[in-house]
Structures are given as C-alpha cells and as structure tokens.
Amino acid sequence: MYVGTLSFDLLLGDVRSLKEKRSVVRPIVAELHRKFAVSVAEVGDQDLYRRAQIGLAMVSGDAGHLTEVLDRCERLVAARPEVELLAVRRRFHGGDDE
C-alpha cells in the first residue's frame, strides 16, 4: 500500500473578502475530488482572504499510479489562472515505511 499527500500553498488573485475566497477555493477542491477521486480540503489560512492551503491525500496499491495522479493534481492547480502556486509539499509513504 502506498499513501501520497500534497499540500498546496496558494496566493489568490483579486480577492477582497472571505466570501470571494470561498468562491475561488471551493471549485478547485471540488474539481480535484471529482476528477481524481482524492481526499481534499482547505486545511489552513482560513482567516486570510488572499492565502489558502489545500491538502490532498490518496491511497493506491501501485506507486506508479499514485505518482501519476499526484502529478496531474499538481498540474491542475498550477494551471488555474485565478491562483498563484507558491509552494507544493509532497509526501510519499510506501509499504516499507514503519
């Protein structure tokens, strides 16, 4: 079993309120979940309206498949014009981990 996680640190574009922030972050979270069947949520910076942290996790029996899906998720977020991807942290746990 392999577990992979991604943590995205985002700078939001022309956002002036928490309500506008939700209208940018929610579609990203929903699209990641729908397209890739991953667990995803906004996990940090909820009180800042121009910053967002999104966490994503996936479990797979195949390390290659897991890497491919995480790469596609990262490309999807990076391609969104309404956000700037400041940082991505990737963690990968394999069957040999204790």
PDB file of N, CA and C in Angstrom:
ATOM      1  N   MET A   1       0.843  -1.176   0.000  1.00  0.00           N
ATOM      2  CA  MET A   1       0.000   0.000   0.000  1.00  0.00           C
ATOM      3  C   MET A   1       0.889   1.241   0.000  1.00  0.00           C
ATOM      4  N   TYR A   2       0.487   2.225  -0.784  1.00  0.00           N
ATOM      5  CA  TYR A   2       1.212   3.484  -0.885  1.00  0.00           C
ATOM      6  C   TYR A   2       0.257   4.633  -0.584  1.00  0.00           C
ATOM      7  N   VAL A   3       0.744   5.608   0.175  1.00  0.00           N
ATOM      8  CA  VAL A   3      -0.039   6.784   0.519  1.00  0.00           C
ATOM      9  C   VAL A   3       0.748   8.013   0.073  1.00  0.00           C
ATOM     10  N   GLY A   4       0.072   8.885  -0.660  1.00  0.00           N
ATOM     11  CA  GLY A   4       0.704  10.116  -1.110  1.00  0.00           C
ATOM     12  C   GLY A   4      -0.106  11.313  -0.666  1.00  0.00           C
ATOM     13  N   THR A   5       0.594  12.375  -0.286  1.00  0.00           N
ATOM     14  CA  THR A   5      -0.082  13.609   0.097  1.00  0.00           C
ATOM     15  C   THR A   5       0.556  14.793  -0.623  1.00  0.00           C
ATOM     16  N   LEU A   6      -0.269  15.783  -0.895  1.00  0.00           N
ATOM     17  CA  LEU A   6       0.198  17.054  -1.431  1.00  0.00           C
ATOM     18  C   LEU A   6      -0.358  18.158  -0.556  1.00  0.00           C
ATOM     19  N   SER A   7       0.438  19.185  -0.359  1.00  0.00           N
ATOM     20  CA  SER A   7      -0.008  20.374   0.354  1.00  0.00           C
ATOM     21  C   SER A   7       0.321  21.571  -0.528  1.00  0.00           C
ATOM     22  N   PHE A   8      -0.716  22.307  -0.918  1.00  0.00           N
ATOM     23  CA  PHE A   8      -0.561  23.460  -1.797  1.00  0.00           C
ATOM     24  C   PHE A   8      -0.663  24.746  -0.983  1.00  0.00           C
ATOM     25  N   ASP A   9       0.274  25.646  -1.179  1.00  0.00           N
ATOM     26  CA  ASP A   9       0.230  26.984  -0.587  1.00  0.00           C
ATOM     27  C   ASP A   9      -0.095  27.937  -1.733  1.00  0.00           C
ATOM     28  N   LEU A  10      -1.264  28.587  -1.655  1.00  0.00           N
ATOM     29  CA  LEU A  10      -1.756  29.394  -2.767  1.00  0.00           C
ATOM     30  C   LEU A  10      -1.878  30.863  -2.386  1.00  0.00           C
ATOM     31  N   LEU A  11      -1.592  31.721  -3.351  1.00  0.00           N
ATOM     32  CA  LEU A  11      -1.877  33.145  -3.255  1.00  0.00           C
ATOM     33  C   LEU A  11      -3.023  33.405  -4.220  1.00  0.00           C
ATOM     34  N   LEU A  12      -4.113  33.930  -3.695  1.00  0.00           N
ATOM     35  CA  LEU A  12      -5.292  34.171  -4.513  1.00  0.00           C
ATOM     36  C   LEU A  12      -5.191  35.534  -5.175  1.00  0.00           C
ATOM     37  N   GLY A  13      -5.755  35.630  -6.363  1.00  0.00           N
ATOM     38  CA  GLY A  13      -5.681  36.868  -7.146  1.00  0.00           C
ATOM     39  C   GLY A  13      -6.508  37.990  -6.561  1.00  0.00           C
ATOM     40  N   ASP A  14      -7.443  38.494  -7.324  1.00  0.00           N
ATOM     41  CA  ASP A  14      -8.240  39.664  -6.951  1.00  0.00           C
ATOM     42  C   ASP A  14      -9.370  39.256  -6.009  1.00  0.00           C
ATOM     43  N   VAL A  15      -9.028  39.005  -4.757  1.00  0.00           N
ATOM     44  CA  VAL A  15      -9.990  38.571  -3.740  1.00  0.00           C
ATOM     45  C   VAL A  15      -9.970  39.594  -2.617  1.00  0.00           C
ATOM     46  N   ARG A  16     -11.163  40.076  -2.221  1.00  0.00           N
ATOM     47  CA  ARG A  16     -11.243  41.117  -1.204  1.00  0.00           C
ATOM     48  C   ARG A  16     -12.019  40.713   0.040  1.00  0.00           C
ATOM     49  N   SER A  17     -12.485  39.466   0.087  1.00  0.00           N
ATOM     50  CA  SER A  17     -13.250  39.024   1.256  1.00  0.00           C
ATOM     51  C   SER A  17     -13.170  37.513   1.379  1.00  0.00           C
ATOM     52  N   LEU A  18     -13.549  37.002   2.543  1.00  0.00           N
ATOM     53  CA  LEU A  18     -13.561  35.549   2.744  1.00  0.00           C
ATOM     54  C   LEU A  18     -14.612  34.887   1.860  1.00  0.00           C
ATOM     55  N   LYS A  19     -15.703  35.591   1.582  1.00  0.00           N
ATOM     56  CA  LYS A  19     -16.730  35.048   0.693  1.00  0.00           C
ATOM     57  C   LYS A  19     -16.188  34.870  -0.724  1.00  0.00           C
ATOM     58  N   GLU A  20     -15.456  35.852  -1.221  1.00  0.00           N
ATOM     59  CA  GLU A  20     -14.821  35.726  -2.534  1.00  0.00           C
ATOM     60  C   GLU A  20     -13.778  34.617  -2.529  1.00  0.00           C
ATOM     61  N   LYS A  21     -13.057  34.477  -1.418  1.00  0.00           N
ATOM     62  CA  LYS A  21     -12.063  33.409  -1.299  1.00  0.00           C
ATOM     63  C   LYS A  21     -12.736  32.056  -1.465  1.00  0.00           C
ATOM     64  N   ARG A  22     -13.867  31.844  -0.782  1.00  0.00           N
ATOM     65  CA  ARG A  22     -14.592  30.572  -0.903  1.00  0.00           C
ATOM     66  C   ARG A  22     -14.998  30.299  -2.347  1.00  0.00           C
ATOM     67  N   SER A  23     -15.376  31.347  -3.074  1.00  0.00           N
ATOM     68  CA  SER A  23     -15.797  31.164  -4.463  1.00  0.00           C
ATOM     69  C   SER A  23     -14.637  30.778  -5.383  1.00  0.00           C
ATOM     70  N   VAL A  24     -13.408  30.975  -4.927  1.00  0.00           N
ATOM     71  CA  VAL A  24     -12.223  30.553  -5.692  1.00  0.00           C
ATOM     72  C   VAL A  24     -11.757  29.167  -5.234  1.00  0.00           C
ATOM     73  N   VAL A  25     -11.702  28.954  -3.922  1.00  0.00           N
ATOM     74  CA  VAL A  25     -11.132  27.711  -3.378  1.00  0.00           C
ATOM     75  C   VAL A  25     -12.073  26.516  -3.560  1.00  0.00           C
ATOM     76  N   ARG A  26     -13.358  26.700  -3.310  1.00  0.00           N
ATOM     77  CA  ARG A  26     -14.305  25.580  -3.394  1.00  0.00           C
ATOM     78  C   ARG A  26     -14.309  24.884  -4.752  1.00  0.00           C
ATOM     79  N   PRO A  27     -14.320  25.617  -5.873  1.00  0.00           N
ATOM     80  CA  PRO A  27     -14.289  24.925  -7.168  1.00  0.00           C
ATOM     81  C   PRO A  27     -13.001  24.120  -7.398  1.00  0.00           C
ATOM     82  N   ILE A  28     -11.894  24.603  -6.891  1.00  0.00           N
ATOM     83  CA  ILE A  28     -10.635  23.864  -7.031  1.00  0.00           C
ATOM     84  C   ILE A  28     -10.716  22.558  -6.252  1.00  0.00           C
ATOM     85  N   VAL A  29     -11.171  22.632  -5.005  1.00  0.00           N
ATOM     86  CA  VAL A  29     -11.313  21.448  -4.161  1.00  0.00           C
ATOM     87  C   VAL A  29     -12.280  20.451  -4.810  1.00  0.00           C
ATOM     88  N   ALA A  30     -13.413  20.940  -5.298  1.00  0.00           N
ATOM     89  CA  ALA A  30     -14.417  20.070  -5.914  1.00  0.00           C
ATOM     90  C   ALA A  30     -13.887  19.413  -7.184  1.00  0.00           C
ATOM     91  N   GLU A  31     -13.159  20.155  -8.002  1.00  0.00           N
ATOM     92  CA  GLU A  31     -12.629  19.590  -9.238  1.00  0.00           C
ATOM     93  C   GLU A  31     -11.583  18.507  -8.967  1.00  0.00           C
ATOM     94  N   LEU A  32     -10.700  18.748  -8.006  1.00  0.00           N
ATOM     95  CA  LEU A  32      -9.705  17.727  -7.646  1.00  0.00           C
ATOM     96  C   LEU A  32     -10.395  16.451  -7.177  1.00  0.00           C
ATOM     97  N   HIS A  33     -11.402  16.595  -6.333  1.00  0.00           N
ATOM     98  CA  HIS A  33     -12.123  15.428  -5.819  1.00  0.00           C
ATOM     99  C   HIS A  33     -12.847  14.689  -6.946  1.00  0.00           C
ATOM    100  N   ARG A  34     -13.528  15.437  -7.799  1.00  0.00           N
ATOM    101  CA  ARG A  34     -14.317  14.831  -8.871  1.00  0.00           C
ATOM    102  C   ARG A  34     -13.436  14.151  -9.933  1.00  0.00           C
ATOM    103  N   LYS A  35     -12.389  14.832 -10.377  1.00  0.00           N
ATOM    104  CA  LYS A  35     -11.565  14.315 -11.470  1.00  0.00           C
ATOM    105  C   LYS A  35     -10.652  13.172 -11.047  1.00  0.00           C
ATOM    106  N   PHE A  36     -10.154  13.218  -9.810  1.00  0.00           N
ATOM    107  CA  PHE A  36      -9.105  12.283  -9.425  1.00  0.00           C
ATOM    108  C   PHE A  36      -9.469  11.374  -8.258  1.00  0.00           C
ATOM    109  N   ALA A  37     -10.664  11.513  -7.704  1.00  0.00           N
ATOM    110  CA  ALA A  37     -11.131  10.675  -6.588  1.00  0.00           C
ATOM    111  C   ALA A  37     -10.132  10.665  -5.432  1.00  0.00           C
ATOM    112  N   VAL A  38      -9.671  11.855  -5.062  1.00  0.00           N
ATOM    113  CA  VAL A  38      -8.751  12.022  -3.943  1.00  0.00           C
ATOM    114  C   VAL A  38      -9.491  12.684  -2.788  1.00  0.00           C
ATOM    115  N   SER A  39      -8.956  12.548  -1.601  1.00  0.00           N
ATOM    116  CA  SER A  39      -9.475  13.292  -0.454  1.00  0.00           C
ATOM    117  C   SER A  39      -8.795  14.649  -0.444  1.00  0.00           C
ATOM    118  N   VAL A  40      -9.592  15.701  -0.376  1.00  0.00           N
ATOM    119  CA  VAL A  40      -9.027  17.053  -0.489  1.00  0.00           C
ATOM    120  C   VAL A  40      -9.869  18.024   0.332  1.00  0.00           C
ATOM    121  N   ALA A  41      -9.170  19.008   0.943  1.00  0.00           N
ATOM    122  CA  ALA A  41      -9.856  20.010   1.754  1.00  0.00           C
ATOM    123  C   ALA A  41      -8.966  21.239   1.909  1.00  0.00           C
ATOM    124  N   GLU A  42      -9.599  22.361   2.220  1.00  0.00           N
ATOM    125  CA  GLU A  42      -8.845  23.544   2.627  1.00  0.00           C
ATOM    126  C   GLU A  42      -8.401  23.301   4.063  1.00  0.00           C
ATOM    127  N   VAL A  43      -7.101  23.360   4.317  1.00  0.00           N
ATOM    128  CA  VAL A  43      -6.573  22.940   5.621  1.00  0.00           C
ATOM    129  C   VAL A  43      -5.860  24.038   6.403  1.00  0.00           C
ATOM    130  N   GLY A  44      -5.744  25.210   5.832  1.00  0.00           N
ATOM    131  CA  GLY A  44      -5.040  26.268   6.553  1.00  0.00           C
ATOM    132  C   GLY A  44      -5.325  27.639   5.985  1.00  0.00           C
ATOM    133  N   ASP A  45      -4.938  28.645   6.723  1.00  0.00           N
ATOM    134  CA  ASP A  45      -5.118  30.044   6.335  1.00  0.00           C
ATOM    135  C   ASP A  45      -6.578  30.397   6.099  1.00  0.00           C
ATOM    136  N   GLN A  46      -7.500  29.790   6.851  1.00  0.00           N
ATOM    137  CA  GLN A  46      -8.918  30.064   6.653  1.00  0.00           C
ATOM    138  C   GLN A  46      -9.293  31.509   6.985  1.00  0.00           C
ATOM    139  N   ASP A  47      -8.527  32.168   7.829  1.00  0.00           N
ATOM    140  CA  ASP A  47      -8.855  33.542   8.223  1.00  0.00           C
ATOM    141  C   ASP A  47      -8.194  34.600   7.341  1.00  0.00           C
ATOM    142  N   LEU A  48      -7.354  34.182   6.399  1.00  0.00           N
ATOM    143  CA  LEU A  48      -6.706  35.116   5.475  1.00  0.00           C
ATOM    144  C   LEU A  48      -7.416  35.047   4.127  1.00  0.00           C
ATOM    145  N   TYR A  49      -7.813  36.186   3.580  1.00  0.00           N
ATOM    146  CA  TYR A  49      -8.609  36.123   2.361  1.00  0.00           C
ATOM    147  C   TYR A  49      -7.797  36.031   1.076  1.00  0.00           C
ATOM    148  N   ARG A  50      -6.513  36.290   1.098  1.00  0.00           N
ATOM    149  CA  ARG A  50      -5.711  36.154  -0.125  1.00  0.00           C
ATOM    150  C   ARG A  50      -4.788  34.949  -0.121  1.00  0.00           C
ATOM    151  N   ARG A  51      -4.811  34.159   0.941  1.00  0.00           N
ATOM    152  CA  ARG A  51      -3.974  32.955   1.026  1.00  0.00           C
ATOM    153  C   ARG A  51      -4.853  31.747   1.292  1.00  0.00           C
ATOM    154  N   ALA A  52      -4.410  30.594   0.803  1.00  0.00           N
ATOM    155  CA  ALA A  52      -5.133  29.350   1.058  1.00  0.00           C
ATOM    156  C   ALA A  52      -4.140  28.201   1.084  1.00  0.00           C
ATOM    157  N   GLN A  53      -4.425  27.232   1.926  1.00  0.00           N
ATOM    158  CA  GLN A  53      -3.679  25.979   1.940  1.00  0.00           C
ATOM    159  C   GLN A  53      -4.672  24.862   1.667  1.00  0.00           C
ATOM    160  N   ILE A  54      -4.346  24.040   0.679  1.00  0.00           N
ATOM    161  CA  ILE A  54      -5.190  22.907   0.327  1.00  0.00           C
ATOM    162  C   ILE A  54      -4.369  21.643   0.540  1.00  0.00           C
ATOM    163  N   GLY A  55      -4.958  20.677   1.238  1.00  0.00           N
ATOM    164  CA  GLY A  55      -4.315  19.389   1.469  1.00  0.00           C
ATOM    165  C   GLY A  55      -5.033  18.306   0.686  1.00  0.00           C
ATOM    166  N   LEU A  56      -4.267  17.356   0.195  1.00  0.00           N
ATOM    167  CA  LEU A  56      -4.789  16.298  -0.662  1.00  0.00           C
ATOM    168  C   LEU A  56      -4.127  14.989  -0.271  1.00  0.00           C
ATOM    169  N   ALA A  57      -4.879  13.893  -0.258  1.00  0.00           N
ATOM    170  CA  ALA A  57      -4.313  12.582   0.065  1.00  0.00           C
ATOM    171  C   ALA A  57      -4.920  11.515  -0.839  1.00  0.00           C
ATOM    172  N   MET A  58      -4.111  10.487  -1.111  1.00  0.00           N
ATOM    173  CA  MET A  58      -4.565   9.376  -1.938  1.00  0.00           C
ATOM    174  C   MET A  58      -3.863   8.096  -1.497  1.00  0.00           C
ATOM    175  N   VAL A  59      -4.586   6.998  -1.576  1.00  0.00           N
ATOM    176  CA  VAL A  59      -4.041   5.676  -1.274  1.00  0.00           C
ATOM    177  C   VAL A  59      -4.128   4.840  -2.532  1.00  0.00           C
ATOM    178  N   SER A  60      -3.068   4.068  -2.828  1.00  0.00           N
ATOM    179  CA  SER A  60      -3.056   3.219  -4.013  1.00  0.00           C
ATOM    180  C   SER A  60      -2.209   1.982  -3.759  1.00  0.00           C
ATOM    181  N   GLY A  61      -2.486   0.952  -4.495  1.00  0.00           N
ATOM    182  CA  GLY A  61      -1.677  -0.258  -4.431  1.00  0.00           C
ATOM    183  C   GLY A  61      -0.487  -0.220  -5.366  1.00  0.00           C
ATOM    184  N   ASP A  62      -0.436   0.804  -6.231  1.00  0.00           N
ATOM    185  CA  ASP A  62       0.619   0.914  -7.241  1.00  0.00           C
ATOM    186  C   ASP A  62       1.304   2.276  -7.118  1.00  0.00           C
ATOM    187  N   ALA A  63       2.603   2.264  -6.859  1.00  0.00           N
ATOM    188  CA  ALA A  63       3.350   3.509  -6.671  1.00  0.00           C
ATOM    189  C   ALA A  63       3.365   4.365  -7.929  1.00  0.00           C
ATOM    190  N   GLY A  64       3.442   3.748  -9.088  1.00  0.00           N
ATOM    191  CA  GLY A  64       3.453   4.492 -10.346  1.00  0.00           C
ATOM    192  C   GLY A  64       2.144   5.229 -10.579  1.00  0.00           C
ATOM    193  N   HIS A  65       1.053   4.553 -10.318  1.00  0.00           N
ATOM    194  CA  HIS A  65      -0.265   5.182 -10.473  1.00  0.00           C
ATOM    195  C   HIS A  65      -0.413   6.348  -9.503  1.00  0.00           C
ATOM    196  N   LEU A  66       0.015   6.156  -8.266  1.00  0.00           N
ATOM    197  CA  LEU A  66      -0.072   7.209  -7.255  1.00  0.00           C
ATOM    198  C   LEU A  66       0.728   8.437  -7.685  1.00  0.00           C
ATOM    199  N   THR A  67       1.933   8.246  -8.145  1.00  0.00           N
ATOM    200  CA  THR A  67       2.776   9.353  -8.602  1.00  0.00           C
ATOM    201  C   THR A  67       2.136  10.078  -9.777  1.00  0.00           C
ATOM    202  N   GLU A  68       1.581   9.324 -10.715  1.00  0.00           N
ATOM    203  CA  GLU A  68       0.932   9.917 -11.887  1.00  0.00           C
ATOM    204  C   GLU A  68      -0.260  10.799 -11.477  1.00  0.00           C
ATOM    205  N   VAL A  69      -1.092  10.309 -10.582  1.00  0.00           N
ATOM    206  CA  VAL A  69      -2.264  11.082 -10.148  1.00  0.00           C
ATOM    207  C   VAL A  69      -1.829  12.332  -9.382  1.00  0.00           C
ATOM    208  N   LEU A  70      -0.851  12.219  -8.496  1.00  0.00           N
ATOM    209  CA  LEU A  70      -0.369  13.391  -7.762  1.00  0.00           C
ATOM    210  C   LEU A  70       0.228  14.430  -8.709  1.00  0.00           C
ATOM    211  N   ASP A  71       0.946  13.979  -9.730  1.00  0.00           N
ATOM    212  CA  ASP A  71       1.489  14.906 -10.731  1.00  0.00           C
ATOM    213  C   ASP A  71       0.371  15.633 -11.461  1.00  0.00           C
ATOM    214  N   ARG A  72      -0.685  14.917 -11.827  1.00  0.00           N
ATOM    215  CA  ARG A  72      -1.805  15.522 -12.540  1.00  0.00           C
ATOM    216  C   ARG A  72      -2.546  16.520 -11.647  1.00  0.00           C
ATOM    217  N   CYS A  73      -2.688  16.202 -10.379  1.00  0.00           N
ATOM    218  CA  CYS A  73      -3.319  17.134  -9.437  1.00  0.00           C
ATOM    219  C   CYS A  73      -2.502  18.419  -9.326  1.00  0.00           C
ATOM    220  N   GLU A  74      -1.203  18.269  -9.228  1.00  0.00           N
ATOM    221  CA  GLU A  74      -0.332  19.443  -9.122  1.00  0.00           C
ATOM    222  C   GLU A  74      -0.419  20.307 -10.373  1.00  0.00           C
ATOM    223  N   ARG A  75      -0.434  19.682 -11.542  1.00  0.00           N
ATOM    224  CA  ARG A  75      -0.543  20.440 -12.791  1.00  0.00           C
ATOM    225  C   ARG A  75      -1.880  21.176 -12.882  1.00  0.00           C
ATOM    226  N   LEU A  76      -2.955  20.541 -12.424  1.00  0.00           N
ATOM    227  CA  LEU A  76      -4.271  21.166 -12.465  1.00  0.00           C
ATOM    228  C   LEU A  76      -4.285  22.441 -11.623  1.00  0.00           C
ATOM    229  N   VAL A  77      -3.766  22.374 -10.403  1.00  0.00           N
ATOM    230  CA  VAL A  77      -3.755  23.544  -9.522  1.00  0.00           C
ATOM    231  C   VAL A  77      -2.826  24.629 -10.095  1.00  0.00           C
ATOM    232  N   ALA A  78      -1.678  24.240 -10.599  1.00  0.00           N
ATOM    233  CA  ALA A  78      -0.728  25.209 -11.151  1.00  0.00           C
ATOM    234  C   ALA A  78      -1.295  25.924 -12.380  1.00  0.00           C
ATOM    235  N   ALA A  79      -2.185  25.282 -13.107  1.00  0.00           N
ATOM    236  CA  ALA A  79      -2.747  25.855 -14.331  1.00  0.00           C
ATOM    237  C   ALA A  79      -3.913  26.803 -14.069  1.00  0.00           C
ATOM    238  N   ARG A  80      -4.410  26.860 -12.849  1.00  0.00           N
ATOM    239  CA  ARG A  80      -5.555  27.727 -12.551  1.00  0.00           C
ATOM    240  C   ARG A  80      -5.111  29.190 -12.605  1.00  0.00           C
ATOM    241  N   PRO A  81      -5.741  30.009 -13.464  1.00  0.00           N
ATOM    242  CA  PRO A  81      -5.286  31.397 -13.619  1.00  0.00           C
ATOM    243  C   PRO A  81      -5.613  32.297 -12.431  1.00  0.00           C
ATOM    244  N   GLU A  82      -6.596  31.917 -11.610  1.00  0.00           N
ATOM    245  CA  GLU A  82      -7.011  32.782 -10.510  1.00  0.00           C
ATOM    246  C   GLU A  82      -6.157  32.616  -9.262  1.00  0.00           C
ATOM    247  N   VAL A  83      -5.212  31.671  -9.266  1.00  0.00           N
ATOM    248  CA  VAL A  83      -4.331  31.473  -8.110  1.00  0.00           C
ATOM    249  C   VAL A  83      -2.884  31.400  -8.567  1.00  0.00           C
ATOM    250  N   GLU A  84      -1.997  31.765  -7.648  1.00  0.00           N
ATOM    251  CA  GLU A  84      -0.557  31.587  -7.870  1.00  0.00           C
ATOM    252  C   GLU A  84      -0.087  30.513  -6.906  1.00  0.00           C
ATOM    253  N   LEU A  85       0.522  29.482  -7.440  1.00  0.00           N
ATOM    254  CA  LEU A  85       1.019  28.371  -6.628  1.00  0.00           C
ATOM    255  C   LEU A  85       2.371  28.773  -6.049  1.00  0.00           C
ATOM    256  N   LEU A  86       2.401  29.028  -4.734  1.00  0.00           N
ATOM    257  CA  LEU A  86       3.631  29.471  -4.075  1.00  0.00           C
ATOM    258  C   LEU A  86       4.533  28.301  -3.712  1.00  0.00           C
ATOM    259  N   ALA A  87       3.937  27.200  -3.242  1.00  0.00           N
ATOM    260  CA  ALA A  87       4.731  26.044  -2.824  1.00  0.00           C
ATOM    261  C   ALA A  87       3.875  24.787  -2.870  1.00  0.00           C
ATOM    262  N   VAL A  88       4.537  23.676  -3.110  1.00  0.00           N
ATOM    263  CA  VAL A  88       3.898  22.363  -3.058  1.00  0.00           C
ATOM    264  C   VAL A  88       4.788  21.463  -2.222  1.00  0.00           C
ATOM    265  N   ARG A  89       4.189  20.796  -1.258  1.00  0.00           N
ATOM    266  CA  ARG A  89       4.925  19.806  -0.472  1.00  0.00           C
ATOM    267  C   ARG A  89       4.324  18.440  -0.756  1.00  0.00           C
ATOM    268  N   ARG A  90       5.184  17.508  -1.115  1.00  0.00           N
ATOM    269  CA  ARG A  90       4.749  16.163  -1.457  1.00  0.00           C
ATOM    270  C   ARG A  90       5.360  15.177  -0.474  1.00  0.00           C
ATOM    271  N   ARG A  91       4.512  14.291   0.018  1.00  0.00           N
ATOM    272  CA  ARG A  91       4.990  13.210   0.893  1.00  0.00           C
ATOM    273  C   ARG A  91       4.500  11.900   0.310  1.00  0.00           C
ATOM    274  N   PHE A  92       5.369  10.904   0.383  1.00  0.00           N
ATOM    275  CA  PHE A  92       5.063   9.597  -0.190  1.00  0.00           C
ATOM    276  C   PHE A  92       5.462   8.549   0.840  1.00  0.00           C
ATOM    277  N   HIS A  93       4.518   7.707   1.203  1.00  0.00           N
ATOM    278  CA  HIS A  93       4.785   6.641   2.153  1.00  0.00           C
ATOM    279  C   HIS A  93       4.530   5.309   1.483  1.00  0.00           C
ATOM    280  N   GLY A  94       5.545   4.445   1.488  1.00  0.00           N
ATOM    281  CA  GLY A  94       5.435   3.167   0.826  1.00  0.00           C
ATOM    282  C   GLY A  94       5.239   2.024   1.789  1.00  0.00           C
ATOM    283  N   GLY A  95       5.158   0.833   1.244  1.00  0.00           N
ATOM    284  CA  GLY A  95       4.930  -0.375   2.043  1.00  0.00           C
ATOM    285  C   GLY A  95       6.053  -0.690   3.008  1.00  0.00           C
ATOM    286  N   ASP A  96       7.244  -0.159   2.773  1.00  0.00           N
ATOM    287  CA  ASP A  96       8.385  -0.451   3.643  1.00  0.00           C
ATOM    288  C   ASP A  96       8.492   0.489   4.834  1.00  0.00           C
ATOM    289  N   ASP A  97       7.683   1.547   4.860  1.00  0.00           N
ATOM    290  CA  ASP A  97       7.725   2.501   5.962  1.00  0.00           C
ATOM    291  C   ASP A  97       7.183   1.867   7.232  1.00  0.00           C
ATOM    292  N   GLU A  98       7.729   2.256   8.341  1.00  0.00           N
ATOM    293  CA  GLU A  98       7.260   1.756   9.645  1.00  0.00           C
ATOM    294  C   GLU A  98       6.350   2.765  10.279  1.00  0.00           C
TER     295      GLU A  98
END
